[in-house]
Protein backbone atom coordinates (compact mmCIF):
# COMPACT_ATOMS: atom_id res chain seq x y z
CA MET A 1 0.00 0.00 0.00
CA THR A 2 1.37 3.42 -0.93
CA ILE A 3 0.52 6.58 0.96
CA SER A 4 0.56 9.95 -0.79
CA MET A 5 2.51 12.69 0.94
CA LYS A 6 0.11 15.60 1.32
CA ASN A 7 1.66 16.90 4.52
CA LYS A 8 5.23 18.06 4.91
CA ILE A 9 7.42 16.49 7.53
CA PRO A 10 6.86 18.31 10.82
CA LYS A 11 9.85 20.25 12.14
CA PHE A 12 11.37 18.49 15.15
CA LYS A 13 11.01 20.41 18.40
CA VAL A 14 12.53 19.11 21.61
CA LYS A 15 9.85 18.63 24.26
CA PRO A 16 10.53 19.20 27.98
CA GLY A 17 12.47 16.21 29.35
CA GLN A 18 13.46 15.01 25.87
CA VAL A 19 17.02 14.64 24.55
CA ASP A 20 17.86 15.62 20.96
CA PHE A 21 20.04 12.84 19.52
CA THR A 22 19.96 14.21 15.95
CA LYS A 23 23.62 15.26 16.01
CA ALA A 24 24.80 13.06 18.91
CA ARG A 25 27.59 10.53 18.32
CA LEU A 26 25.82 7.82 20.36
CA ALA A 27 22.08 7.40 19.91
CA PRO A 28 19.87 4.84 21.70
CA VAL A 29 16.99 3.64 19.53
CA ILE A 30 14.28 1.01 19.48
CA ASN A 31 13.59 -0.99 16.36
CA CYS A 32 10.26 -2.77 16.67
CA VAL A 33 9.41 -5.79 14.58
CA VAL A 34 5.62 -5.84 14.58
CA MET A 35 4.22 -9.33 14.14
CA HIS A 36 0.70 -10.48 13.35
CA LYS A 37 0.14 -14.22 13.13
CA ASN A 38 3.15 -15.49 11.12
CA LYS A 39 4.05 -12.26 9.30
CA ILE A 40 6.08 -9.17 10.17
CA LEU A 41 5.41 -5.60 9.17
CA VAL A 42 8.04 -3.64 7.26
CA VAL A 43 7.66 0.01 6.33
CA GLU A 44 9.37 2.00 3.61
CA ARG A 45 10.79 5.15 5.14
CA ASN A 46 9.77 8.54 3.78
CA LYS A 47 12.21 9.89 1.17
CA ASN A 48 12.52 13.16 3.16
CA LEU A 49 13.73 11.69 6.47
CA ASN A 50 17.13 12.71 7.87
CA PHE A 51 18.27 9.11 8.32
CA TYR A 52 17.96 6.27 5.77
CA PRO A 53 15.27 7.70 3.47
CA GLY A 54 13.67 5.07 1.21
CA TYR A 55 14.93 2.07 3.20
CA TRP A 56 12.67 -0.69 4.56
CA ASN A 57 12.65 -1.12 8.32
CA GLY A 58 10.61 -1.94 11.40
CA ILE A 59 9.05 0.80 13.51
CA SER A 60 11.88 2.75 15.08
CA GLY A 61 12.44 5.73 17.29
CA PHE A 62 14.93 7.40 19.56
CA LEU A 63 14.94 6.47 23.25
CA ASP A 64 14.99 10.16 24.05
CA ASP A 65 12.90 10.62 27.18
CA LYS A 66 12.28 9.06 30.58
CA LYS A 67 9.52 6.71 29.40
CA SER A 68 9.93 2.97 29.95
CA LEU A 69 10.78 0.81 26.95
CA GLU A 70 7.24 -0.60 26.98
CA GLU A 71 5.69 2.90 27.03
CA LYS A 72 7.95 3.99 24.16
CA VAL A 73 6.98 0.94 22.08
CA ARG A 74 3.27 1.58 22.69
CA ASP A 75 3.70 5.28 21.77
CA GLU A 76 5.58 4.51 18.53
CA LEU A 77 3.00 1.95 17.39
CA ARG A 78 0.15 4.37 18.12
CA GLU A 79 1.86 7.33 16.42
CA GLU A 80 3.36 5.59 13.38
CA LEU A 81 0.79 2.82 12.76
CA GLY A 82 -2.41 3.84 14.55
CA ILE A 83 -2.31 0.62 16.63
CA ALA A 84 -4.06 1.07 19.97
CA ARG A 85 -2.46 -0.28 23.15
CA GLU A 86 -5.24 -2.86 23.62
CA LYS A 87 -4.25 -4.41 20.26
CA ILE A 88 -0.70 -5.07 21.55
CA LYS A 89 -0.57 -8.63 22.91
CA LYS A 90 3.10 -9.01 23.85
CA ILE A 91 6.34 -7.00 23.87
CA ARG A 92 9.73 -8.76 24.05
CA LEU A 93 13.16 -7.10 24.09
CA GLY A 94 15.93 -8.83 22.15
CA GLU A 95 19.68 -8.56 22.69
CA ILE A 96 20.86 -4.94 22.49
CA PHE A 97 23.70 -4.22 20.04
CA ASP A 98 25.70 -1.33 18.58
CA GLN A 99 25.41 -0.46 14.89
CA GLU A 100 28.23 1.73 13.58
CA GLU A 101 27.23 4.21 10.89
CA PRO A 102 30.15 6.16 9.41
CA LYS A 103 27.85 7.91 6.91
CA TYR A 104 26.08 9.73 9.75
CA LYS A 105 29.06 9.66 12.17
CA LYS A 106 26.92 7.74 14.65
CA THR A 107 26.77 4.63 16.72
CA TRP A 108 23.20 3.48 17.08
CA ILE A 109 22.56 1.60 20.33
CA VAL A 110 19.84 -0.67 18.96
CA HIS A 111 17.17 -2.19 21.20
CA PRO A 112 15.43 -4.85 19.06
CA VAL A 113 11.83 -5.36 20.17
CA LEU A 114 9.35 -7.99 19.00
CA VAL A 115 5.77 -6.78 19.28
CA ASP A 116 2.94 -9.26 18.78
CA VAL A 117 -0.27 -7.48 17.75
CA ALA A 118 -3.89 -8.59 17.38
CA THR A 119 -4.49 -6.75 14.10
CA ASP A 120 -2.99 -6.31 10.64
CA LYS A 121 -4.79 -2.98 10.12
CA VAL A 122 -2.37 -0.04 10.12
CA LYS A 123 -2.60 3.66 9.32
CA LEU A 124 0.81 5.09 8.44
CA ASP A 125 1.89 8.54 9.58
CA TRP A 126 4.34 10.80 7.69
CA GLU A 127 7.43 8.75 8.59
CA ALA A 128 6.63 5.91 6.18
CA ARG A 129 5.21 5.91 2.68
CA ASN A 130 4.50 2.24 2.15
CA TYR A 131 4.17 -1.01 4.12
CA LYS A 132 4.05 -4.78 3.63
CA TRP A 133 3.22 -7.79 5.79
CA ILE A 134 5.83 -10.41 4.90
CA LYS A 135 7.45 -13.60 6.16
CA VAL A 136 10.78 -13.00 7.97
CA ALA A 137 12.74 -14.78 5.20
CA GLU A 138 11.34 -12.38 2.57
CA ALA A 139 12.92 -9.34 4.27
CA LYS A 140 16.36 -10.03 2.77
CA LYS A 141 14.94 -9.26 -0.71
CA LEU A 142 14.29 -5.64 0.31
CA LYS A 143 16.60 -2.61 0.59
CA LEU A 144 16.83 -2.88 4.38
CA LEU A 145 17.97 -0.18 6.76
CA PRO A 146 21.53 -1.07 7.84
CA GLY A 147 21.33 -3.26 10.94
CA PHE A 148 17.69 -4.33 10.46
CA ASP A 149 18.91 -7.77 9.35
CA LYS A 150 20.70 -8.00 12.72
CA VAL A 151 17.49 -6.92 14.52
CA LEU A 152 15.68 -9.81 12.83
CA GLU A 153 18.52 -12.19 13.67
CA LYS A 154 18.45 -11.18 17.36
CA LEU A 155 14.68 -11.66 17.57
CA PHE A 156 14.25 -14.80 15.45
CA ALA A 157 17.48 -16.80 15.96
CA ARG A 158 16.53 -20.31 16.90
């Protein structure tokens, strides 16, 4: 499904209690793999984003405030996908790892999170322009955000 971009990307404004990691060398992030039944959701990032425009990824966000990991996951799914908290069945954190990114002069501190949801209905916000429900093995055929393959490995290694 493709979403037309009628609205411009909102300008980022730091909220009280929030840290701006845009130019920071180290940046803690979550990368959520949303799962419904036996498929995962991947989203194609908006072409106008600062980081990795046009790449396929899970639902990600900076860990930039004092919210718990679970609260942050619930917020990201509500904001980026329109998934209500009562539709989230289970949240599981995978093994945290560092992802070096010379292009952006950053080290992402990646928190892989598997989120089992009770619906496959999503409503994308401005951060993504397309989405697909796919089997995990199909992900390698896409232009994946660097490190997303490792997120999948951490969450689905048997």
